[in-house]
Amino acid sequence: MSEGIVSNSVDIDRIIEMAWEDRTSFDAIKLQFGFTEQQVIRLMRRENEIVQF
């Protein structure tokens, strides 16, 4: 499974913001950033762990 490409922290923040929005589908995130729903969930979990430290 290929990972989506994130060029910087702004992209990461935008992906997470879009995932939290009710109006944005995971399909839209996949089209824009190349991340599947499961990849977005993993990204959100990873970023959440980093913030907790």
PDB file of N, CA and C in Angstrom:
ATOM      1  N   MET A   1       0.846  -1.173   0.000  1.00  0.00           N
ATOM      2  CA  MET A   1       0.000   0.000   0.000  1.00  0.00           C
ATOM      3  C   MET A   1       0.890   1.235   0.000  1.00  0.00           C
ATOM      4  N   SER A   2       0.680   2.126  -0.939  1.00  0.00           N
ATOM      5  CA  SER A   2       1.502   3.329  -0.973  1.00  0.00           C
ATOM      6  C   SER A   2       0.917   4.394  -0.062  1.00  0.00           C
ATOM      7  N   GLU A   3       1.807   5.131   0.555  1.00  0.00           N
ATOM      8  CA  GLU A   3       1.393   6.208   1.451  1.00  0.00           C
ATOM      9  C   GLU A   3       1.169   7.461   0.630  1.00  0.00           C
ATOM     10  N   GLY A   4       0.265   8.307   1.094  1.00  0.00           N
ATOM     11  CA  GLY A   4       0.101   9.606   0.474  1.00  0.00           C
ATOM     12  C   GLY A   4       1.334  10.447   0.722  1.00  0.00           C
ATOM     13  N   ILE A   5       1.494  11.464  -0.060  1.00  0.00           N
ATOM     14  CA  ILE A   5       2.668  12.319   0.077  1.00  0.00           C
ATOM     15  C   ILE A   5       2.269  13.606   0.770  1.00  0.00           C
ATOM     16  N   VAL A   6       2.952  13.891   1.870  1.00  0.00           N
ATOM     17  CA  VAL A   6       2.730  15.120   2.617  1.00  0.00           C
ATOM     18  C   VAL A   6       4.009  15.930   2.515  1.00  0.00           C
ATOM     19  N   SER A   7       3.908  17.133   1.936  1.00  0.00           N
ATOM     20  CA  SER A   7       5.121  17.903   1.703  1.00  0.00           C
ATOM     21  C   SER A   7       5.551  18.730   2.902  1.00  0.00           C
ATOM     22  N   ASN A   8       4.623  19.018   3.818  1.00  0.00           N
ATOM     23  CA  ASN A   8       5.007  19.830   4.969  1.00  0.00           C
ATOM     24  C   ASN A   8       3.954  19.749   6.070  1.00  0.00           C
ATOM     25  N   SER A   9       4.237  20.398   7.190  1.00  0.00           N
ATOM     26  CA  SER A   9       3.319  20.337   8.325  1.00  0.00           C
ATOM     27  C   SER A   9       1.993  21.028   8.033  1.00  0.00           C
ATOM     28  N   VAL A  10       1.982  21.970   7.091  1.00  0.00           N
ATOM     29  CA  VAL A  10       0.729  22.627   6.713  1.00  0.00           C
ATOM     30  C   VAL A  10      -0.211  21.606   6.071  1.00  0.00           C
ATOM     31  N   ASP A  11       0.357  20.718   5.225  1.00  0.00           N
ATOM     32  CA  ASP A  11      -0.451  19.661   4.615  1.00  0.00           C
ATOM     33  C   ASP A  11      -1.013  18.729   5.681  1.00  0.00           C
ATOM     34  N   ILE A  12      -0.194  18.350   6.643  1.00  0.00           N
ATOM     35  CA  ILE A  12      -0.652  17.474   7.723  1.00  0.00           C
ATOM     36  C   ILE A  12      -1.799  18.131   8.477  1.00  0.00           C
ATOM     37  N   ASP A  13      -1.619  19.390   8.830  1.00  0.00           N
ATOM     38  CA  ASP A  13      -2.678  20.119   9.541  1.00  0.00           C
ATOM     39  C   ASP A  13      -3.953  20.188   8.710  1.00  0.00           C
ATOM     40  N   ARG A  14      -3.819  20.423   7.408  1.00  0.00           N
ATOM     41  CA  ARG A  14      -4.990  20.528   6.532  1.00  0.00           C
ATOM     42  C   ARG A  14      -5.698  19.179   6.409  1.00  0.00           C
ATOM     43  N   ILE A  15      -4.952  18.108   6.275  1.00  0.00           N
ATOM     44  CA  ILE A  15      -5.559  16.770   6.186  1.00  0.00           C
ATOM     45  C   ILE A  15      -6.351  16.482   7.452  1.00  0.00           C
ATOM     46  N   ILE A  16      -5.762  16.759   8.609  1.00  0.00           N
ATOM     47  CA  ILE A  16      -6.443  16.501   9.881  1.00  0.00           C
ATOM     48  C   ILE A  16      -7.679  17.383  10.003  1.00  0.00           C
ATOM     49  N   GLU A  17      -7.553  18.650   9.631  1.00  0.00           N
ATOM     50  CA  GLU A  17      -8.701  19.566   9.683  1.00  0.00           C
ATOM     51  C   GLU A  17      -9.833  19.070   8.785  1.00  0.00           C
ATOM     52  N   MET A  18      -9.492  18.658   7.577  1.00  0.00           N
ATOM     53  CA  MET A  18     -10.508  18.157   6.643  1.00  0.00           C
ATOM     54  C   MET A  18     -11.170  16.896   7.184  1.00  0.00           C
ATOM     55  N   ALA A  19     -10.381  16.020   7.811  1.00  0.00           N
ATOM     56  CA  ALA A  19     -10.932  14.766   8.340  1.00  0.00           C
ATOM     57  C   ALA A  19     -11.927  15.032   9.468  1.00  0.00           C
ATOM     58  N   TRP A  20     -11.689  16.078  10.266  1.00  0.00           N
ATOM     59  CA  TRP A  20     -12.595  16.408  11.363  1.00  0.00           C
ATOM     60  C   TRP A  20     -13.880  17.075  10.877  1.00  0.00           C
ATOM     61  N   GLU A  21     -13.826  17.731   9.712  1.00  0.00           N
ATOM     62  CA  GLU A  21     -15.009  18.426   9.191  1.00  0.00           C
ATOM     63  C   GLU A  21     -16.058  17.424   8.730  1.00  0.00           C
ATOM     64  N   ASP A  22     -17.272  17.670   9.087  1.00  0.00           N
ATOM     65  CA  ASP A  22     -18.363  16.789   8.653  1.00  0.00           C
ATOM     66  C   ASP A  22     -18.625  16.904   7.151  1.00  0.00           C
ATOM     67  N   ARG A  23     -18.312  18.041   6.572  1.00  0.00           N
ATOM     68  CA  ARG A  23     -18.650  18.261   5.164  1.00  0.00           C
ATOM     69  C   ARG A  23     -17.626  17.678   4.194  1.00  0.00           C
ATOM     70  N   THR A  24     -16.460  17.262   4.693  1.00  0.00           N
ATOM     71  CA  THR A  24     -15.409  16.728   3.825  1.00  0.00           C
ATOM     72  C   THR A  24     -15.387  15.207   3.894  1.00  0.00           C
ATOM     73  N   SER A  25     -15.449  14.584   2.733  1.00  0.00           N
ATOM     74  CA  SER A  25     -15.406  13.119   2.699  1.00  0.00           C
ATOM     75  C   SER A  25     -13.962  12.639   2.617  1.00  0.00           C
ATOM     76  N   PHE A  26     -13.753  11.384   2.984  1.00  0.00           N
ATOM     77  CA  PHE A  26     -12.424  10.798   2.848  1.00  0.00           C
ATOM     78  C   PHE A  26     -12.050  10.675   1.371  1.00  0.00           C
ATOM     79  N   ASP A  27     -13.045  10.556   0.508  1.00  0.00           N
ATOM     80  CA  ASP A  27     -12.766  10.526  -0.932  1.00  0.00           C
ATOM     81  C   ASP A  27     -12.135  11.835  -1.391  1.00  0.00           C
ATOM     82  N   ALA A  28     -12.614  12.966  -0.856  1.00  0.00           N
ATOM     83  CA  ALA A  28     -12.053  14.270  -1.204  1.00  0.00           C
ATOM     84  C   ALA A  28     -10.603  14.378  -0.726  1.00  0.00           C
ATOM     85  N   ILE A  29     -10.335  13.862   0.466  1.00  0.00           N
ATOM     86  CA  ILE A  29      -8.967  13.870   0.990  1.00  0.00           C
ATOM     87  C   ILE A  29      -8.072  12.999   0.101  1.00  0.00           C
ATOM     88  N   LYS A  30      -8.588  11.843  -0.309  1.00  0.00           N
ATOM     89  CA  LYS A  30      -7.815  10.947  -1.170  1.00  0.00           C
ATOM     90  C   LYS A  30      -7.505  11.621  -2.507  1.00  0.00           C
ATOM     91  N   LEU A  31      -8.478  12.310  -3.078  1.00  0.00           N
ATOM     92  CA  LEU A  31      -8.246  12.993  -4.351  1.00  0.00           C
ATOM     93  C   LEU A  31      -7.188  14.092  -4.224  1.00  0.00           C
ATOM     94  N   GLN A  32      -7.244  14.842  -3.146  1.00  0.00           N
ATOM     95  CA  GLN A  32      -6.335  15.975  -2.979  1.00  0.00           C
ATOM     96  C   GLN A  32      -4.944  15.575  -2.501  1.00  0.00           C
ATOM     97  N   PHE A  33      -4.877  14.606  -1.570  1.00  0.00           N
ATOM     98  CA  PHE A  33      -3.604  14.273  -0.938  1.00  0.00           C
ATOM     99  C   PHE A  33      -3.132  12.842  -1.182  1.00  0.00           C
ATOM    100  N   GLY A  34      -4.006  11.975  -1.683  1.00  0.00           N
ATOM    101  CA  GLY A  34      -3.618  10.596  -1.954  1.00  0.00           C
ATOM    102  C   GLY A  34      -3.670   9.674  -0.754  1.00  0.00           C
ATOM    103  N   PHE A  35      -4.324  10.099   0.330  1.00  0.00           N
ATOM    104  CA  PHE A  35      -4.427   9.298   1.542  1.00  0.00           C
ATOM    105  C   PHE A  35      -5.773   8.585   1.592  1.00  0.00           C
ATOM    106  N   THR A  36      -5.751   7.289   1.885  1.00  0.00           N
ATOM    107  CA  THR A  36      -6.991   6.552   2.099  1.00  0.00           C
ATOM    108  C   THR A  36      -7.530   6.886   3.489  1.00  0.00           C
ATOM    109  N   GLU A  37      -8.735   6.444   3.765  1.00  0.00           N
ATOM    110  CA  GLU A  37      -9.336   6.675   5.089  1.00  0.00           C
ATOM    111  C   GLU A  37      -8.452   6.095   6.196  1.00  0.00           C
ATOM    112  N   GLN A  38      -7.973   4.875   6.001  1.00  0.00           N
ATOM    113  CA  GLN A  38      -7.129   4.242   7.024  1.00  0.00           C
ATOM    114  C   GLN A  38      -5.813   4.982   7.206  1.00  0.00           C
ATOM    115  N   GLN A  39      -5.242   5.499   6.133  1.00  0.00           N
ATOM    116  CA  GLN A  39      -4.003   6.260   6.232  1.00  0.00           C
ATOM    117  C   GLN A  39      -4.220   7.572   6.990  1.00  0.00           C
ATOM    118  N   VAL A  40      -5.369   8.207   6.756  1.00  0.00           N
ATOM    119  CA  VAL A  40      -5.697   9.447   7.477  1.00  0.00           C
ATOM    120  C   VAL A  40      -5.845   9.154   8.965  1.00  0.00           C
ATOM    121  N   ILE A  41      -6.506   8.072   9.294  1.00  0.00           N
ATOM    122  CA  ILE A  41      -6.693   7.699  10.702  1.00  0.00           C
ATOM    123  C   ILE A  41      -5.340   7.449  11.366  1.00  0.00           C
ATOM    124  N   ARG A  42      -4.446   6.734  10.673  1.00  0.00           N
ATOM    125  CA  ARG A  42      -3.100   6.496  11.222  1.00  0.00           C
ATOM    126  C   ARG A  42      -2.343   7.805  11.406  1.00  0.00           C
ATOM    127  N   LEU A  43      -2.457   8.702  10.435  1.00  0.00           N
ATOM    128  CA  LEU A  43      -1.806  10.006  10.526  1.00  0.00           C
ATOM    129  C   LEU A  43      -2.328  10.783  11.733  1.00  0.00           C
ATOM    130  N   MET A  44      -3.635  10.772  11.913  1.00  0.00           N
ATOM    131  CA  MET A  44      -4.239  11.495  13.040  1.00  0.00           C
ATOM    132  C   MET A  44      -3.778  10.900  14.369  1.00  0.00           C
ATOM    133  N   ARG A  45      -3.712   9.592  14.453  1.00  0.00           N
ATOM    134  CA  ARG A  45      -3.242   8.950  15.693  1.00  0.00           C
ATOM    135  C   ARG A  45      -1.783   9.287  15.955  1.00  0.00           C
ATOM    136  N   ARG A  46      -0.963   9.237  14.924  1.00  0.00           N
ATOM    137  CA  ARG A  46       0.458   9.549  15.075  1.00  0.00           C
ATOM    138  C   ARG A  46       0.657  10.996  15.522  1.00  0.00           C
ATOM    139  N   GLU A  47      -0.041  11.915  14.897  1.00  0.00           N
ATOM    140  CA  GLU A  47       0.090  13.324  15.252  1.00  0.00           C
ATOM    141  C   GLU A  47      -0.433  13.586  16.655  1.00  0.00           C
ATOM    142  N   ASN A  48      -1.480  12.881  17.055  1.00  0.00           N
ATOM    143  CA  ASN A  48      -2.023  13.032  18.404  1.00  0.00           C
ATOM    144  C   ASN A  48      -1.000  12.581  19.442  1.00  0.00           C
ATOM    145  N   GLU A  49      -0.293  11.488  19.160  1.00  0.00           N
ATOM    146  CA  GLU A  49       0.740  11.008  20.084  1.00  0.00           C
ATOM    147  C   GLU A  49       1.869  12.018  20.201  1.00  0.00           C
ATOM    148  N   ILE A  50       2.256  12.658  19.105  1.00  0.00           N
ATOM    149  CA  ILE A  50       3.333  13.647  19.133  1.00  0.00           C
ATOM    150  C   ILE A  50       2.924  14.842  19.976  1.00  0.00           C
ATOM    151  N   VAL A  51       1.681  15.287  19.842  1.00  0.00           N
ATOM    152  CA  VAL A  51       1.191  16.459  20.572  1.00  0.00           C
ATOM    153  C   VAL A  51       1.125  16.170  22.070  1.00  0.00           C
ATOM    154  N   GLN A  52       0.871  14.949  22.466  1.00  0.00           N
ATOM    155  CA  GLN A  52       0.723  14.606  23.873  1.00  0.00           C
ATOM    156  C   GLN A  52       2.034  14.740  24.648  1.00  0.00           C
ATOM    157  N   PHE A  53       3.159  14.712  23.961  1.00  0.00           N
ATOM    158  CA  PHE A  53       4.454  14.793  24.652  1.00  0.00           C
ATOM    159  C   PHE A  53       4.802  16.186  25.007  1.00  0.00           C
TER     160      PHE A  53
END
